[in-house]
Amino acid sequence: MVTEQTNVYRKPKNVAWPAAAVTEPLSGAWKGVIQFSQLQIGEDVVIIGTGGIGLLCLMVAHKAARAG
């Protein structure tokens, strides 16, 4: 694939490849569960789909509930 140099970021040496690979999907899950929905502690969450993004959404919602 050919892309602009500004679209490419170096992976820090202290970040493992599996962690680097999940960074973008995890940020999307966080944005959907926390930022867009404005989830509050004690609210119910319904996640439709148990694919990779759905499971990340579940993990984000679970951590958010325990953070309060």
N, C-alpha and C. Protein backbone atom coordinates (compact mmCIF):
# COMPACT_ATOMS: atom_id res chain seq x y z
N MET A 1 0.83 -1.16 0.00
CA MET A 1 0.00 0.00 0.00
C MET A 1 0.88 1.23 0.00
N VAL A 2 0.54 2.22 -0.78
CA VAL A 2 1.27 3.48 -0.83
C VAL A 2 0.44 4.53 -0.10
N THR A 3 1.09 5.26 0.80
CA THR A 3 0.39 6.29 1.56
C THR A 3 1.35 7.44 1.84
N GLU A 4 0.81 8.52 2.30
CA GLU A 4 1.63 9.67 2.64
C GLU A 4 2.45 9.36 3.90
N GLN A 5 3.62 9.93 4.00
CA GLN A 5 4.49 9.72 5.15
C GLN A 5 3.83 10.21 6.44
N THR A 6 2.97 11.22 6.34
CA THR A 6 2.30 11.76 7.53
C THR A 6 1.27 10.79 8.10
N ASN A 7 0.91 9.73 7.38
CA ASN A 7 -0.06 8.74 7.85
C ASN A 7 0.60 7.56 8.56
N VAL A 8 1.91 7.59 8.68
CA VAL A 8 2.65 6.47 9.25
C VAL A 8 3.31 6.92 10.55
N TYR A 9 3.17 6.08 11.57
CA TYR A 9 3.77 6.39 12.86
C TYR A 9 4.71 5.26 13.27
N ARG A 10 5.81 5.60 13.87
CA ARG A 10 6.74 4.57 14.35
C ARG A 10 6.20 3.97 15.64
N LYS A 11 6.33 2.66 15.74
CA LYS A 11 5.96 1.97 16.97
C LYS A 11 7.10 2.14 17.95
N PRO A 12 6.81 2.64 19.16
CA PRO A 12 7.88 2.75 20.16
C PRO A 12 8.47 1.37 20.46
N LYS A 13 9.75 1.31 20.71
CA LYS A 13 10.42 0.03 20.95
C LYS A 13 9.89 -0.68 22.20
N ASN A 14 9.37 0.09 23.17
CA ASN A 14 8.89 -0.53 24.40
C ASN A 14 7.44 -1.01 24.31
N VAL A 15 6.81 -0.88 23.14
CA VAL A 15 5.44 -1.35 22.95
C VAL A 15 5.48 -2.61 22.09
N ALA A 16 4.90 -3.69 22.61
CA ALA A 16 4.89 -4.97 21.89
C ALA A 16 3.96 -4.88 20.68
N TRP A 17 4.21 -5.70 19.67
CA TRP A 17 3.38 -5.69 18.46
C TRP A 17 1.90 -5.97 18.74
N PRO A 18 1.56 -6.96 19.60
CA PRO A 18 0.13 -7.18 19.87
C PRO A 18 -0.54 -5.96 20.51
N ALA A 19 0.16 -5.27 21.40
CA ALA A 19 -0.41 -4.06 22.01
C ALA A 19 -0.56 -2.95 20.97
N ALA A 20 0.40 -2.81 20.10
CA ALA A 20 0.33 -1.78 19.07
C ALA A 20 -0.82 -2.07 18.10
N ALA A 21 -1.05 -3.34 17.80
CA ALA A 21 -2.09 -3.70 16.84
C ALA A 21 -3.50 -3.42 17.36
N VAL A 22 -3.69 -3.44 18.67
CA VAL A 22 -5.02 -3.25 19.23
C VAL A 22 -5.27 -1.78 19.61
N THR A 23 -4.30 -0.92 19.44
CA THR A 23 -4.44 0.48 19.84
C THR A 23 -5.60 1.18 19.13
N GLU A 24 -5.69 1.07 17.83
CA GLU A 24 -6.76 1.77 17.09
C GLU A 24 -8.14 1.21 17.39
N PRO A 25 -8.35 -0.11 17.39
CA PRO A 25 -9.67 -0.62 17.75
C PRO A 25 -10.07 -0.27 19.18
N LEU A 26 -9.12 -0.29 20.10
CA LEU A 26 -9.42 0.07 21.49
C LEU A 26 -9.80 1.53 21.60
N SER A 27 -9.13 2.40 20.88
CA SER A 27 -9.48 3.83 20.93
C SER A 27 -10.87 4.06 20.34
N GLY A 28 -11.24 3.31 19.32
CA GLY A 28 -12.59 3.42 18.76
C GLY A 28 -13.65 2.94 19.74
N ALA A 29 -13.36 1.86 20.47
CA ALA A 29 -14.28 1.35 21.47
C ALA A 29 -14.45 2.37 22.59
N TRP A 30 -13.36 2.95 23.04
CA TRP A 30 -13.43 3.96 24.10
C TRP A 30 -14.25 5.16 23.64
N LYS A 31 -13.99 5.60 22.42
CA LYS A 31 -14.70 6.77 21.90
C LYS A 31 -16.21 6.50 21.84
N GLY A 32 -16.60 5.32 21.42
CA GLY A 32 -18.02 4.98 21.33
C GLY A 32 -18.68 4.81 22.68
N VAL A 33 -18.02 4.10 23.59
CA VAL A 33 -18.63 3.79 24.88
C VAL A 33 -18.58 4.98 25.84
N ILE A 34 -17.49 5.69 25.87
CA ILE A 34 -17.32 6.76 26.85
C ILE A 34 -17.65 8.13 26.26
N GLN A 35 -17.00 8.49 25.18
CA GLN A 35 -17.14 9.85 24.66
C GLN A 35 -18.50 10.09 24.01
N PHE A 36 -18.90 9.26 23.05
CA PHE A 36 -20.15 9.50 22.33
C PHE A 36 -21.38 9.22 23.17
N SER A 37 -21.37 8.14 23.93
CA SER A 37 -22.56 7.77 24.70
C SER A 37 -22.66 8.52 26.02
N GLN A 38 -21.56 9.07 26.48
CA GLN A 38 -21.51 9.77 27.77
C GLN A 38 -22.00 8.85 28.89
N LEU A 39 -21.51 7.63 28.86
CA LEU A 39 -21.86 6.61 29.84
C LEU A 39 -21.60 7.12 31.26
N GLN A 40 -22.56 6.89 32.14
CA GLN A 40 -22.44 7.27 33.54
C GLN A 40 -22.41 6.01 34.40
N ILE A 41 -21.74 6.09 35.54
CA ILE A 41 -21.68 4.97 36.47
C ILE A 41 -23.10 4.56 36.86
N GLY A 42 -23.38 3.27 36.83
CA GLY A 42 -24.68 2.75 37.21
C GLY A 42 -25.64 2.55 36.05
N GLU A 43 -25.31 3.07 34.86
CA GLU A 43 -26.18 2.89 33.70
C GLU A 43 -25.98 1.50 33.11
N ASP A 44 -27.04 0.99 32.51
CA ASP A 44 -26.96 -0.30 31.82
C ASP A 44 -26.31 -0.11 30.46
N VAL A 45 -25.66 -1.15 30.02
CA VAL A 45 -24.99 -1.14 28.71
C VAL A 45 -25.46 -2.35 27.93
N VAL A 46 -25.82 -2.15 26.67
CA VAL A 46 -26.15 -3.25 25.77
C VAL A 46 -25.14 -3.21 24.63
N ILE A 47 -24.44 -4.31 24.43
CA ILE A 47 -23.47 -4.42 23.35
C ILE A 47 -23.97 -5.52 22.43
N ILE A 48 -24.22 -5.16 21.19
CA ILE A 48 -24.70 -6.12 20.19
C ILE A 48 -23.51 -6.53 19.34
N GLY A 49 -23.17 -7.77 19.42
CA GLY A 49 -22.04 -8.30 18.66
C GLY A 49 -20.88 -8.64 19.57
N THR A 50 -20.31 -9.80 19.36
CA THR A 50 -19.20 -10.25 20.20
C THR A 50 -17.92 -10.41 19.40
N GLY A 51 -17.81 -9.60 18.37
CA GLY A 51 -16.55 -9.58 17.63
C GLY A 51 -15.50 -8.82 18.42
N GLY A 52 -14.40 -8.55 17.78
CA GLY A 52 -13.30 -7.86 18.45
C GLY A 52 -13.69 -6.51 19.01
N ILE A 53 -14.40 -5.69 18.25
CA ILE A 53 -14.79 -4.36 18.71
C ILE A 53 -15.83 -4.48 19.83
N GLY A 54 -16.78 -5.38 19.70
CA GLY A 54 -17.77 -5.57 20.75
C GLY A 54 -17.14 -5.99 22.06
N LEU A 55 -16.17 -6.88 22.01
CA LEU A 55 -15.49 -7.31 23.22
C LEU A 55 -14.67 -6.18 23.83
N LEU A 56 -14.05 -5.36 22.99
CA LEU A 56 -13.32 -4.19 23.50
C LEU A 56 -14.29 -3.20 24.15
N CYS A 57 -15.47 -3.01 23.55
CA CYS A 57 -16.49 -2.13 24.15
C CYS A 57 -16.90 -2.66 25.52
N LEU A 58 -17.06 -3.97 25.64
CA LEU A 58 -17.41 -4.59 26.91
C LEU A 58 -16.32 -4.33 27.95
N MET A 59 -15.07 -4.49 27.56
CA MET A 59 -13.97 -4.26 28.48
C MET A 59 -13.89 -2.80 28.92
N VAL A 60 -14.11 -1.87 27.99
CA VAL A 60 -14.08 -0.45 28.33
C VAL A 60 -15.22 -0.11 29.29
N ALA A 61 -16.43 -0.60 29.01
CA ALA A 61 -17.57 -0.33 29.88
C ALA A 61 -17.34 -0.92 31.27
N HIS A 62 -16.79 -2.10 31.33
CA HIS A 62 -16.52 -2.75 32.62
C HIS A 62 -15.50 -1.95 33.43
N LYS A 63 -14.44 -1.54 32.80
CA LYS A 63 -13.41 -0.74 33.49
C LYS A 63 -13.98 0.60 33.93
N ALA A 64 -14.80 1.21 33.10
CA ALA A 64 -15.40 2.51 33.45
C ALA A 64 -16.31 2.38 34.66
N ALA A 65 -17.04 1.28 34.75
CA ALA A 65 -17.95 1.06 35.87
C ALA A 65 -17.17 0.86 37.17
N ARG A 66 -16.01 0.25 37.08
CA ARG A 66 -15.21 -0.03 38.27
C ARG A 66 -14.36 1.17 38.67
N ALA A 67 -14.21 2.14 37.77
CA ALA A 67 -13.35 3.30 38.05
C ALA A 67 -14.05 4.30 38.97
N GLY A 68 -15.36 4.26 39.03
CA GLY A 68 -16.11 5.25 39.79
C GLY A 68 -16.20 5.00 41.25
